[in-house]
Amino acid sequence: MAPPMPAPSADNPAVALRTGMDKLLGFLNGGNSPSTDELNAFLNAEIAPFFDFEYMTESAGGRLYERMQAEEQQSLVEKLQASFPTKIAKKLGC
């Protein structure tokens, strides 16, 4: 007989994804259609923490990112993070 599977933990990526999706779907299906500001606030508070914006920016920038000054790198990270809610809202059709 195989040993029982361990219970999913909060640090498990699959559990984190499911939790985030459940929160997002619950928010979107909560009855009233959220305003743009409400959706942006929700995405920044509940969904954005799941993303590593510094890593994403570095990965997307590649060698150009490596050649940037630290201030330029930080500015690019901040621009990506600021555009996050708008881009997600567009993909959600909101």
PDB file of N, CA and C in Angstrom:
ATOM      1  N   MET A   1       0.857  -1.177   0.000  1.00  0.00           N
ATOM      2  CA  MET A   1       0.000   0.000   0.000  1.00  0.00           C
ATOM      3  C   MET A   1       0.895   1.230   0.000  1.00  0.00           C
ATOM      4  N   ALA A   2       0.596   2.199  -0.848  1.00  0.00           N
ATOM      5  CA  ALA A   2       1.384   3.433  -0.952  1.00  0.00           C
ATOM      6  C   ALA A   2       1.104   4.337   0.244  1.00  0.00           C
ATOM      7  N   PRO A   3       2.139   5.075   0.674  1.00  0.00           N
ATOM      8  CA  PRO A   3       1.908   5.999   1.792  1.00  0.00           C
ATOM      9  C   PRO A   3       0.948   7.105   1.368  1.00  0.00           C
ATOM     10  N   PRO A   4       0.197   7.661   2.322  1.00  0.00           N
ATOM     11  CA  PRO A   4      -0.755   8.710   1.965  1.00  0.00           C
ATOM     12  C   PRO A   4      -0.026   9.951   1.446  1.00  0.00           C
ATOM     13  N   MET A   5      -0.667  10.637   0.520  1.00  0.00           N
ATOM     14  CA  MET A   5      -0.114  11.871  -0.023  1.00  0.00           C
ATOM     15  C   MET A   5      -0.187  12.953   1.049  1.00  0.00           C
ATOM     16  N   PRO A   6       0.874  13.769   1.161  1.00  0.00           N
ATOM     17  CA  PRO A   6       0.809  14.853   2.141  1.00  0.00           C
ATOM     18  C   PRO A   6      -0.236  15.892   1.737  1.00  0.00           C
ATOM     19  N   ALA A   7      -0.822  16.515   2.738  1.00  0.00           N
ATOM     20  CA  ALA A   7      -1.817  17.555   2.479  1.00  0.00           C
ATOM     21  C   ALA A   7      -1.137  18.749   1.816  1.00  0.00           C
ATOM     22  N   PRO A   8      -1.824  19.403   0.885  1.00  0.00           N
ATOM     23  CA  PRO A   8      -1.233  20.579   0.243  1.00  0.00           C
ATOM     24  C   PRO A   8      -0.960  21.662   1.272  1.00  0.00           C
ATOM     25  N   SER A   9       0.181  22.324   1.132  1.00  0.00           N
ATOM     26  CA  SER A   9       0.511  23.396   2.063  1.00  0.00           C
ATOM     27  C   SER A   9       0.427  24.734   1.351  1.00  0.00           C
ATOM     28  N   ALA A  10       0.388  25.801   2.137  1.00  0.00           N
ATOM     29  CA  ALA A  10       0.230  27.148   1.591  1.00  0.00           C
ATOM     30  C   ALA A  10       1.412  27.554   0.721  1.00  0.00           C
ATOM     31  N   ASP A  11       2.588  26.970   0.939  1.00  0.00           N
ATOM     32  CA  ASP A  11       3.752  27.345   0.145  1.00  0.00           C
ATOM     33  C   ASP A  11       3.865  26.525  -1.147  1.00  0.00           C
ATOM     34  N   ASN A  12       2.897  25.672  -1.399  1.00  0.00           N
ATOM     35  CA  ASN A  12       2.834  24.882  -2.617  1.00  0.00           C
ATOM     36  C   ASN A  12       2.329  25.785  -3.742  1.00  0.00           C
ATOM     37  N   PRO A  13       3.062  25.884  -4.870  1.00  0.00           N
ATOM     38  CA  PRO A  13       2.626  26.777  -5.955  1.00  0.00           C
ATOM     39  C   PRO A  13       1.217  26.465  -6.473  1.00  0.00           C
ATOM     40  N   ALA A  14       0.849  25.208  -6.531  1.00  0.00           N
ATOM     41  CA  ALA A  14      -0.489  24.857  -7.010  1.00  0.00           C
ATOM     42  C   ALA A  14      -1.559  25.377  -6.058  1.00  0.00           C
ATOM     43  N   VAL A  15      -1.291  25.292  -4.769  1.00  0.00           N
ATOM     44  CA  VAL A  15      -2.244  25.796  -3.776  1.00  0.00           C
ATOM     45  C   VAL A  15      -2.314  27.322  -3.856  1.00  0.00           C
ATOM     46  N   ALA A  16      -1.166  27.968  -4.014  1.00  0.00           N
ATOM     47  CA  ALA A  16      -1.128  29.430  -4.124  1.00  0.00           C
ATOM     48  C   ALA A  16      -1.910  29.887  -5.357  1.00  0.00           C
ATOM     49  N   LEU A  17      -1.728  29.187  -6.474  1.00  0.00           N
ATOM     50  CA  LEU A  17      -2.450  29.541  -7.704  1.00  0.00           C
ATOM     51  C   LEU A  17      -3.939  29.360  -7.514  1.00  0.00           C
ATOM     52  N   ARG A  18      -4.348  28.253  -6.946  1.00  0.00           N
ATOM     53  CA  ARG A  18      -5.766  27.983  -6.723  1.00  0.00           C
ATOM     54  C   ARG A  18      -6.367  29.039  -5.788  1.00  0.00           C
ATOM     55  N   THR A  19      -5.645  29.393  -4.737  1.00  0.00           N
ATOM     56  CA  THR A  19      -6.123  30.397  -3.791  1.00  0.00           C
ATOM     57  C   THR A  19      -6.302  31.742  -4.486  1.00  0.00           C
ATOM     58  N   GLY A  20      -5.302  32.141  -5.276  1.00  0.00           N
ATOM     59  CA  GLY A  20      -5.386  33.407  -6.000  1.00  0.00           C
ATOM     60  C   GLY A  20      -6.534  33.420  -6.988  1.00  0.00           C
ATOM     61  N   MET A  21      -6.707  32.333  -7.735  1.00  0.00           N
ATOM     62  CA  MET A  21      -7.795  32.253  -8.705  1.00  0.00           C
ATOM     63  C   MET A  21      -9.154  32.273  -8.014  1.00  0.00           C
ATOM     64  N   ASP A  22      -9.263  31.574  -6.887  1.00  0.00           N
ATOM     65  CA  ASP A  22     -10.524  31.582  -6.146  1.00  0.00           C
ATOM     66  C   ASP A  22     -10.871  32.986  -5.665  1.00  0.00           C
ATOM     67  N   LYS A  23      -9.865  33.717  -5.170  1.00  0.00           N
ATOM     68  CA  LYS A  23     -10.095  35.096  -4.724  1.00  0.00           C
ATOM     69  C   LYS A  23     -10.527  35.974  -5.884  1.00  0.00           C
ATOM     70  N   LEU A  24      -9.844  35.847  -7.020  1.00  0.00           N
ATOM     71  CA  LEU A  24     -10.165  36.664  -8.185  1.00  0.00           C
ATOM     72  C   LEU A  24     -11.562  36.361  -8.695  1.00  0.00           C
ATOM     73  N   LEU A  25     -11.892  35.086  -8.851  1.00  0.00           N
ATOM     74  CA  LEU A  25     -13.216  34.715  -9.347  1.00  0.00           C
ATOM     75  C   LEU A  25     -14.309  35.129  -8.367  1.00  0.00           C
ATOM     76  N   GLY A  26     -14.029  34.992  -7.075  1.00  0.00           N
ATOM     77  CA  GLY A  26     -14.990  35.427  -6.066  1.00  0.00           C
ATOM     78  C   GLY A  26     -15.236  36.929  -6.147  1.00  0.00           C
ATOM     79  N   PHE A  27     -14.171  37.678  -6.357  1.00  0.00           N
ATOM     80  CA  PHE A  27     -14.294  39.129  -6.479  1.00  0.00           C
ATOM     81  C   PHE A  27     -15.086  39.503  -7.730  1.00  0.00           C
ATOM     82  N   LEU A  28     -14.760  38.891  -8.858  1.00  0.00           N
ATOM     83  CA  LEU A  28     -15.428  39.220 -10.113  1.00  0.00           C
ATOM     84  C   LEU A  28     -16.883  38.762 -10.147  1.00  0.00           C
ATOM     85  N   ASN A  29     -17.193  37.683  -9.440  1.00  0.00           N
ATOM     86  CA  ASN A  29     -18.554  37.141  -9.434  1.00  0.00           C
ATOM     87  C   ASN A  29     -19.335  37.558  -8.197  1.00  0.00           C
ATOM     88  N   GLY A  30     -18.873  38.598  -7.534  1.00  0.00           N
ATOM     89  CA  GLY A  30     -19.486  39.023  -6.276  1.00  0.00           C
ATOM     90  C   GLY A  30     -20.812  39.725  -6.398  1.00  0.00           C
ATOM     91  N   GLY A  31     -21.401  39.786  -7.551  1.00  0.00           N
ATOM     92  CA  GLY A  31     -22.703  40.425  -7.703  1.00  0.00           C
ATOM     93  C   GLY A  31     -22.607  41.692  -8.525  1.00  0.00           C
ATOM     94  N   ASN A  32     -22.043  42.732  -7.960  1.00  0.00           N
ATOM     95  CA  ASN A  32     -21.900  43.999  -8.673  1.00  0.00           C
ATOM     96  C   ASN A  32     -20.631  43.982  -9.506  1.00  0.00           C
ATOM     97  N   SER A  33     -20.684  44.637 -10.649  1.00  0.00           N
ATOM     98  CA  SER A  33     -19.506  44.757 -11.494  1.00  0.00           C
ATOM     99  C   SER A  33     -18.559  45.773 -10.849  1.00  0.00           C
ATOM    100  N   PRO A  34     -17.316  45.379 -10.550  1.00  0.00           N
ATOM    101  CA  PRO A  34     -16.407  46.297  -9.873  1.00  0.00           C
ATOM    102  C   PRO A  34     -15.985  47.451 -10.781  1.00  0.00           C
ATOM    103  N   SER A  35     -15.765  48.608 -10.167  1.00  0.00           N
ATOM    104  CA  SER A  35     -15.252  49.747 -10.923  1.00  0.00           C
ATOM    105  C   SER A  35     -13.788  49.488 -11.254  1.00  0.00           C
ATOM    106  N   THR A  36     -13.255  50.276 -12.157  1.00  0.00           N
ATOM    107  CA  THR A  36     -11.847  50.147 -12.533  1.00  0.00           C
ATOM    108  C   THR A  36     -10.953  50.341 -11.315  1.00  0.00           C
ATOM    109  N   ASP A  37     -11.271  51.335 -10.492  1.00  0.00           N
ATOM    110  CA  ASP A  37     -10.464  51.588  -9.292  1.00  0.00           C
ATOM    111  C   ASP A  37     -10.541  50.426  -8.305  1.00  0.00           C
ATOM    112  N   GLU A  38     -11.729  49.863  -8.130  1.00  0.00           N
ATOM    113  CA  GLU A  38     -11.881  48.716  -7.233  1.00  0.00           C
ATOM    114  C   GLU A  38     -11.102  47.511  -7.747  1.00  0.00           C
ATOM    115  N   LEU A  39     -11.174  47.282  -9.055  1.00  0.00           N
ATOM    116  CA  LEU A  39     -10.447  46.158  -9.642  1.00  0.00           C
ATOM    117  C   LEU A  39      -8.947  46.360  -9.508  1.00  0.00           C
ATOM    118  N   ASN A  40      -8.461  47.568  -9.789  1.00  0.00           N
ATOM    119  CA  ASN A  40      -7.030  47.851  -9.643  1.00  0.00           C
ATOM    120  C   ASN A  40      -6.572  47.647  -8.208  1.00  0.00           C
ATOM    121  N   ALA A  41      -7.357  48.133  -7.251  1.00  0.00           N
ATOM    122  CA  ALA A  41      -6.997  47.978  -5.834  1.00  0.00           C
ATOM    123  C   ALA A  41      -6.964  46.505  -5.454  1.00  0.00           C
ATOM    124  N   PHE A  42      -7.948  45.741  -5.908  1.00  0.00           N
ATOM    125  CA  PHE A  42      -7.986  44.308  -5.611  1.00  0.00           C
ATOM    126  C   PHE A  42      -6.780  43.599  -6.212  1.00  0.00           C
ATOM    127  N   LEU A  43      -6.503  43.864  -7.486  1.00  0.00           N
ATOM    128  CA  LEU A  43      -5.376  43.207  -8.149  1.00  0.00           C
ATOM    129  C   LEU A  43      -4.057  43.533  -7.463  1.00  0.00           C
ATOM    130  N   ASN A  44      -3.871  44.789  -7.080  1.00  0.00           N
ATOM    131  CA  ASN A  44      -2.633  45.169  -6.394  1.00  0.00           C
ATOM    132  C   ASN A  44      -2.515  44.542  -5.013  1.00  0.00           C
ATOM    133  N   ALA A  45      -3.627  44.426  -4.313  1.00  0.00           N
ATOM    134  CA  ALA A  45      -3.583  43.895  -2.948  1.00  0.00           C
ATOM    135  C   ALA A  45      -3.553  42.372  -2.894  1.00  0.00           C
ATOM    136  N   GLU A  46      -4.317  41.726  -3.762  1.00  0.00           N
ATOM    137  CA  GLU A  46      -4.505  40.282  -3.639  1.00  0.00           C
ATOM    138  C   GLU A  46      -3.755  39.433  -4.674  1.00  0.00           C
ATOM    139  N   ILE A  47      -3.511  39.960  -5.854  1.00  0.00           N
ATOM    140  CA  ILE A  47      -2.926  39.152  -6.922  1.00  0.00           C
ATOM    141  C   ILE A  47      -1.465  39.512  -7.182  1.00  0.00           C
ATOM    142  N   ALA A  48      -1.141  40.796  -7.198  1.00  0.00           N
ATOM    143  CA  ALA A  48       0.227  41.237  -7.500  1.00  0.00           C
ATOM    144  C   ALA A  48       1.284  40.617  -6.582  1.00  0.00           C
ATOM    145  N   PRO A  49       1.005  40.371  -5.292  1.00  0.00           N
ATOM    146  CA  PRO A  49       2.034  39.764  -4.448  1.00  0.00           C
ATOM    147  C   PRO A  49       2.507  38.380  -4.912  1.00  0.00           C
ATOM    148  N   PHE A  50       1.746  37.734  -5.778  1.00  0.00           N
ATOM    149  CA  PHE A  50       2.152  36.431  -6.306  1.00  0.00           C
ATOM    150  C   PHE A  50       3.224  36.554  -7.391  1.00  0.00           C
ATOM    151  N   PHE A  51       3.483  37.783  -7.873  1.00  0.00           N
ATOM    152  CA  PHE A  51       4.405  38.004  -8.983  1.00  0.00           C
ATOM    153  C   PHE A  51       5.703  38.643  -8.494  1.00  0.00           C
ATOM    154  N   ASP A  52       6.812  38.221  -9.077  1.00  0.00           N
ATOM    155  CA  ASP A  52       8.132  38.793  -8.786  1.00  0.00           C
ATOM    156  C   ASP A  52       8.460  39.751  -9.928  1.00  0.00           C
ATOM    157  N   PHE A  53       8.095  41.012  -9.748  1.00  0.00           N
ATOM    158  CA  PHE A  53       8.241  41.991 -10.828  1.00  0.00           C
ATOM    159  C   PHE A  53       9.700  42.260 -11.168  1.00  0.00           C
ATOM    160  N   GLU A  54      10.571  42.202 -10.186  1.00  0.00           N
ATOM    161  CA  GLU A  54      11.988  42.418 -10.459  1.00  0.00           C
ATOM    162  C   GLU A  54      12.528  41.303 -11.357  1.00  0.00           C
ATOM    163  N   TYR A  55      12.198  40.070 -11.029  1.00  0.00           N
ATOM    164  CA  TYR A  55      12.649  38.943 -11.845  1.00  0.00           C
ATOM    165  C   TYR A  55      12.061  39.013 -13.251  1.00  0.00           C
ATOM    166  N   MET A  56      10.764  39.338 -13.336  1.00  0.00           N
ATOM    167  CA  MET A  56      10.107  39.411 -14.642  1.00  0.00           C
ATOM    168  C   MET A  56      10.760  40.480 -15.515  1.00  0.00           C
ATOM    169  N   THR A  57      11.071  41.633 -14.914  1.00  0.00           N
ATOM    170  CA  THR A  57      11.692  42.724 -15.665  1.00  0.00           C
ATOM    171  C   THR A  57      13.090  42.332 -16.114  1.00  0.00           C
ATOM    172  N   GLU A  58      13.841  41.742 -15.212  1.00  0.00           N
ATOM    173  CA  GLU A  58      15.205  41.311 -15.548  1.00  0.00           C
ATOM    174  C   GLU A  58      15.178  40.267 -16.662  1.00  0.00           C
ATOM    175  N   SER A  59      14.262  39.341 -16.572  1.00  0.00           N
ATOM    176  CA  SER A  59      14.157  38.286 -17.573  1.00  0.00           C
ATOM    177  C   SER A  59      13.755  38.853 -18.932  1.00  0.00           C
ATOM    178  N   ALA A  60      12.794  39.760 -18.937  1.00  0.00           N
ATOM    179  CA  ALA A  60      12.338  40.349 -20.200  1.00  0.00           C
ATOM    180  C   ALA A  60      13.391  41.275 -20.801  1.00  0.00           C
ATOM    181  N   GLY A  61      14.135  41.975 -19.955  1.00  0.00           N
ATOM    182  CA  GLY A  61      15.132  42.925 -20.440  1.00  0.00           C
ATOM    183  C   GLY A  61      16.410  42.295 -20.935  1.00  0.00           C
ATOM    184  N   GLY A  62      16.733  41.129 -20.418  1.00  0.00           N
ATOM    185  CA  GLY A  62      17.930  40.411 -20.849  1.00  0.00           C
ATOM    186  C   GLY A  62      19.204  41.229 -20.717  1.00  0.00           C
ATOM    187  N   ARG A  63      20.002  41.229 -21.764  1.00  0.00           N
ATOM    188  CA  ARG A  63      21.291  41.918 -21.732  1.00  0.00           C
ATOM    189  C   ARG A  63      21.145  43.429 -21.612  1.00  0.00           C
ATOM    190  N   LEU A  64      20.084  43.973 -22.183  1.00  0.00           N
ATOM    191  CA  LEU A  64      19.868  45.410 -22.050  1.00  0.00           C
ATOM    192  C   LEU A  64      19.657  45.783 -20.583  1.00  0.00           C
ATOM    193  N   TYR A  65      18.929  44.947 -19.870  1.00  0.00           N
ATOM    194  CA  TYR A  65      18.679  45.190 -18.452  1.00  0.00           C
ATOM    195  C   TYR A  65      19.998  45.170 -17.674  1.00  0.00           C
ATOM    196  N   GLU A  66      20.861  44.228 -18.022  1.00  0.00           N
ATOM    197  CA  GLU A  66      22.153  44.107 -17.333  1.00  0.00           C
ATOM    198  C   GLU A  66      23.017  45.348 -17.533  1.00  0.00           C
ATOM    199  N   ARG A  67      22.844  46.032 -18.652  1.00  0.00           N
ATOM    200  CA  ARG A  67      23.656  47.208 -18.958  1.00  0.00           C
ATOM    201  C   ARG A  67      23.083  48.495 -18.361  1.00  0.00           C
ATOM    202  N   MET A  68      21.881  48.441 -17.832  1.00  0.00           N
ATOM    203  CA  MET A  68      21.245  49.627 -17.260  1.00  0.00           C
ATOM    204  C   MET A  68      21.846  49.963 -15.900  1.00  0.00           C
ATOM    205  N   GLN A  69      21.766  51.237 -15.572  1.00  0.00           N
ATOM    206  CA  GLN A  69      22.137  51.668 -14.231  1.00  0.00           C
ATOM    207  C   GLN A  69      21.053  51.178 -13.260  1.00  0.00           C
ATOM    208  N   ALA A  70      21.382  51.076 -11.978  1.00  0.00           N
ATOM    209  CA  ALA A  70      20.439  50.584 -10.976  1.00  0.00           C
ATOM    210  C   ALA A  70      19.153  51.412 -10.955  1.00  0.00           C
ATOM    211  N   GLU A  71      19.288  52.720 -11.130  1.00  0.00           N
ATOM    212  CA  GLU A  71      18.105  53.592 -11.119  1.00  0.00           C
ATOM    213  C   GLU A  71      17.199  53.297 -12.313  1.00  0.00           C
ATOM    214  N   GLU A  72      17.801  53.027 -13.462  1.00  0.00           N
ATOM    215  CA  GLU A  72      17.025  52.696 -14.655  1.00  0.00           C
ATOM    216  C   GLU A  72      16.321  51.348 -14.484  1.00  0.00           C
ATOM    217  N   GLN A  73      17.018  50.404 -13.902  1.00  0.00           N
ATOM    218  CA  GLN A  73      16.421  49.092 -13.651  1.00  0.00           C
ATOM    219  C   GLN A  73      15.212  49.233 -12.726  1.00  0.00           C
ATOM    220  N   GLN A  74      15.391  49.985 -11.646  1.00  0.00           N
ATOM    221  CA  GLN A  74      14.301  50.161 -10.686  1.00  0.00           C
ATOM    222  C   GLN A  74      13.116  50.873 -11.329  1.00  0.00           C
ATOM    223  N   SER A  75      13.395  51.846 -12.184  1.00  0.00           N
ATOM    224  CA  SER A  75      12.326  52.562 -12.876  1.00  0.00           C
ATOM    225  C   SER A  75      11.540  51.611 -13.779  1.00  0.00           C
ATOM    226  N   LEU A  76      12.244  50.737 -14.457  1.00  0.00           N
ATOM    227  CA  LEU A  76      11.591  49.771 -15.336  1.00  0.00           C
ATOM    228  C   LEU A  76      10.735  48.791 -14.538  1.00  0.00           C
ATOM    229  N   VAL A  77      11.246  48.348 -13.401  1.00  0.00           N
ATOM    230  CA  VAL A  77      10.474  47.454 -12.530  1.00  0.00           C
ATOM    231  C   VAL A  77       9.193  48.156 -12.081  1.00  0.00           C
ATOM    232  N   GLU A  78       9.309  49.410 -11.678  1.00  0.00           N
ATOM    233  CA  GLU A  78       8.148  50.167 -11.205  1.00  0.00           C
ATOM    234  C   GLU A  78       7.126  50.378 -12.318  1.00  0.00           C
ATOM    235  N   LYS A  79       7.592  50.593 -13.549  1.00  0.00           N
ATOM    236  CA  LYS A  79       6.674  50.753 -14.675  1.00  0.00           C
ATOM    237  C   LYS A  79       5.912  49.453 -14.938  1.00  0.00           C
ATOM    238  N   LEU A  80       6.598  48.328 -14.870  1.00  0.00           N
ATOM    239  CA  LEU A  80       5.937  47.041 -15.064  1.00  0.00           C
ATOM    240  C   LEU A  80       4.902  46.813 -13.971  1.00  0.00           C
ATOM    241  N   GLN A  81       5.281  47.089 -12.752  1.00  0.00           N
ATOM    242  CA  GLN A  81       4.373  46.880 -11.627  1.00  0.00           C
ATOM    243  C   GLN A  81       3.165  47.808 -11.721  1.00  0.00           C
ATOM    244  N   ALA A  82       3.370  49.034 -12.174  1.00  0.00           N
ATOM    245  CA  ALA A  82       2.265  49.987 -12.299  1.00  0.00           C
ATOM    246  C   ALA A  82       1.314  49.596 -13.424  1.00  0.00           C
ATOM    247  N   SER A  83       1.832  48.996 -14.488  1.00  0.00           N
ATOM    248  CA  SER A  83       0.978  48.623 -15.621  1.00  0.00           C
ATOM    249  C   SER A  83       0.263  47.294 -15.391  1.00  0.00           C
ATOM    250  N   PHE A  84       0.670  46.567 -14.382  1.00  0.00           N
ATOM    251  CA  PHE A  84       0.113  45.236 -14.108  1.00  0.00           C
ATOM    252  C   PHE A  84      -1.412  45.216 -14.011  1.00  0.00           C
ATOM    253  N   PRO A  85      -2.040  46.035 -13.147  1.00  0.00           N
ATOM    254  CA  PRO A  85      -3.504  45.938 -13.019  1.00  0.00           C
ATOM    255  C   PRO A  85      -4.240  46.254 -14.324  1.00  0.00           C
ATOM    256  N   THR A  86      -3.756  47.218 -15.069  1.00  0.00           N
ATOM    257  CA  THR A  86      -4.407  47.595 -16.325  1.00  0.00           C
ATOM    258  C   THR A  86      -4.351  46.445 -17.323  1.00  0.00           C
ATOM    259  N   LYS A  87      -3.188  45.835 -17.441  1.00  0.00           N
ATOM    260  CA  LYS A  87      -3.031  44.734 -18.408  1.00  0.00           C
ATOM    261  C   LYS A  87      -3.884  43.532 -18.021  1.00  0.00           C
ATOM    262  N   ILE A  88      -3.915  43.208 -16.729  1.00  0.00           N
ATOM    263  CA  ILE A  88      -4.727  42.075 -16.278  1.00  0.00           C
ATOM    264  C   ILE A  88      -6.206  42.377 -16.488  1.00  0.00           C
ATOM    265  N   ALA A  89      -6.626  43.589 -16.170  1.00  0.00           N
ATOM    266  CA  ALA A  89      -8.040  43.959 -16.348  1.00  0.00           C
ATOM    267  C   ALA A  89      -8.453  43.839 -17.812  1.00  0.00           C
ATOM    268  N   LYS A  90      -7.576  44.252 -18.730  1.00  0.00           N
ATOM    269  CA  LYS A  90      -7.888  44.119 -20.158  1.00  0.00           C
ATOM    270  C   LYS A  90      -8.058  42.645 -20.541  1.00  0.00           C
ATOM    271  N   LYS A  91      -7.169  41.793 -20.021  1.00  0.00           N
ATOM    272  CA  LYS A  91      -7.261  40.368 -20.341  1.00  0.00           C
ATOM    273  C   LYS A  91      -8.517  39.733 -19.762  1.00  0.00           C
ATOM    274  N   LEU A  92      -8.973  40.285 -18.632  1.00  0.00           N
ATOM    275  CA  LEU A  92     -10.188  39.771 -18.006  1.00  0.00           C
ATOM    276  C   LEU A  92     -11.440  40.310 -18.696  1.00  0.00           C
ATOM    277  N   GLY A  93     -11.247  41.268 -19.597  1.00  0.00           N
ATOM    278  CA  GLY A  93     -12.383  41.846 -20.300  1.00  0.00           C
ATOM    279  C   GLY A  93     -13.146  42.867 -19.488  1.00  0.00           C
ATOM    280  N   CYS A  94     -12.476  43.456 -18.503  1.00  0.00           N
ATOM    281  CA  CYS A  94     -13.130  44.453 -17.644  1.00  0.00           C
ATOM    282  C   CYS A  94     -12.834  45.856 -18.108  1.00  0.00           C
TER     283      CYS A  94
END
